[in-house]
Amino acid sequence: DWQNFIKMTAYSCIAIAVTLSFMALFLTERSPG
């Protein structure tokens, strides 16, 4: 289904964005200063 495909793509993009933001937050907290 086309609508289901769009929904899955949106969820994938959101999941990737959340993962990248958590990784960035983790790296910035680990860095000195």
C-alpha atoms as a PDB file:
ATOM      1  CA  ASP A   1       0.000   0.000   0.000  1.00  0.00           C
ATOM      2  CA  TRP A   2       1.330   3.453  -0.945  1.00  0.00           C
ATOM      3  CA  GLN A   3       0.141   5.124   2.270  1.00  0.00           C
ATOM      4  CA  ASN A   4       1.743   2.396   4.383  1.00  0.00           C
ATOM      5  CA  PHE A   5       5.012   2.829   2.461  1.00  0.00           C
ATOM      6  CA  ILE A   6       4.990   6.582   3.153  1.00  0.00           C
ATOM      7  CA  LYS A   7       4.286   5.937   6.840  1.00  0.00           C
ATOM      8  CA  MET A   8       7.159   3.443   7.113  1.00  0.00           C
ATOM      9  CA  THR A   9       9.515   5.858   5.348  1.00  0.00           C
ATOM     10  CA  ALA A  10       8.535   8.668   7.726  1.00  0.00           C
ATOM     11  CA  TYR A  11       9.076   6.440  10.777  1.00  0.00           C
ATOM     12  CA  SER A  12      12.483   5.377   9.410  1.00  0.00           C
ATOM     13  CA  CYS A  13      13.557   9.000   8.908  1.00  0.00           C
ATOM     14  CA  ILE A  14      12.362   9.908  12.412  1.00  0.00           C
ATOM     15  CA  ALA A  15      14.200   6.935  13.932  1.00  0.00           C
ATOM     16  CA  ILE A  16      17.429   7.876  12.121  1.00  0.00           C
ATOM     17  CA  ALA A  17      17.103  11.520  13.209  1.00  0.00           C
ATOM     18  CA  VAL A  18      16.538  10.513  16.843  1.00  0.00           C
ATOM     19  CA  THR A  19      19.507   8.119  16.757  1.00  0.00           C
ATOM     20  CA  LEU A  20      21.794  10.774  15.262  1.00  0.00           C
ATOM     21  CA  SER A  21      20.668  13.371  17.817  1.00  0.00           C
ATOM     22  CA  PHE A  22      21.319  10.947  20.701  1.00  0.00           C
ATOM     23  CA  MET A  23      24.755  10.114  19.271  1.00  0.00           C
ATOM     24  CA  ALA A  24      25.602  13.814  18.920  1.00  0.00           C
ATOM     25  CA  LEU A  25      24.438  14.490  22.480  1.00  0.00           C
ATOM     26  CA  PHE A  26      26.509  11.551  23.769  1.00  0.00           C
ATOM     27  CA  LEU A  27      29.622  12.685  21.878  1.00  0.00           C
ATOM     28  CA  THR A  28      29.305  16.305  23.035  1.00  0.00           C
ATOM     29  CA  GLU A  29      28.863  15.193  26.645  1.00  0.00           C
ATOM     30  CA  ARG A  30      31.912  12.916  26.432  1.00  0.00           C
ATOM     31  CA  SER A  31      34.142  15.610  24.912  1.00  0.00           C
ATOM     32  CA  PRO A  32      36.123  17.767  27.382  1.00  0.00           C
ATOM     33  CA  GLY A  33      34.756  21.209  28.107  1.00  0.00           C
END
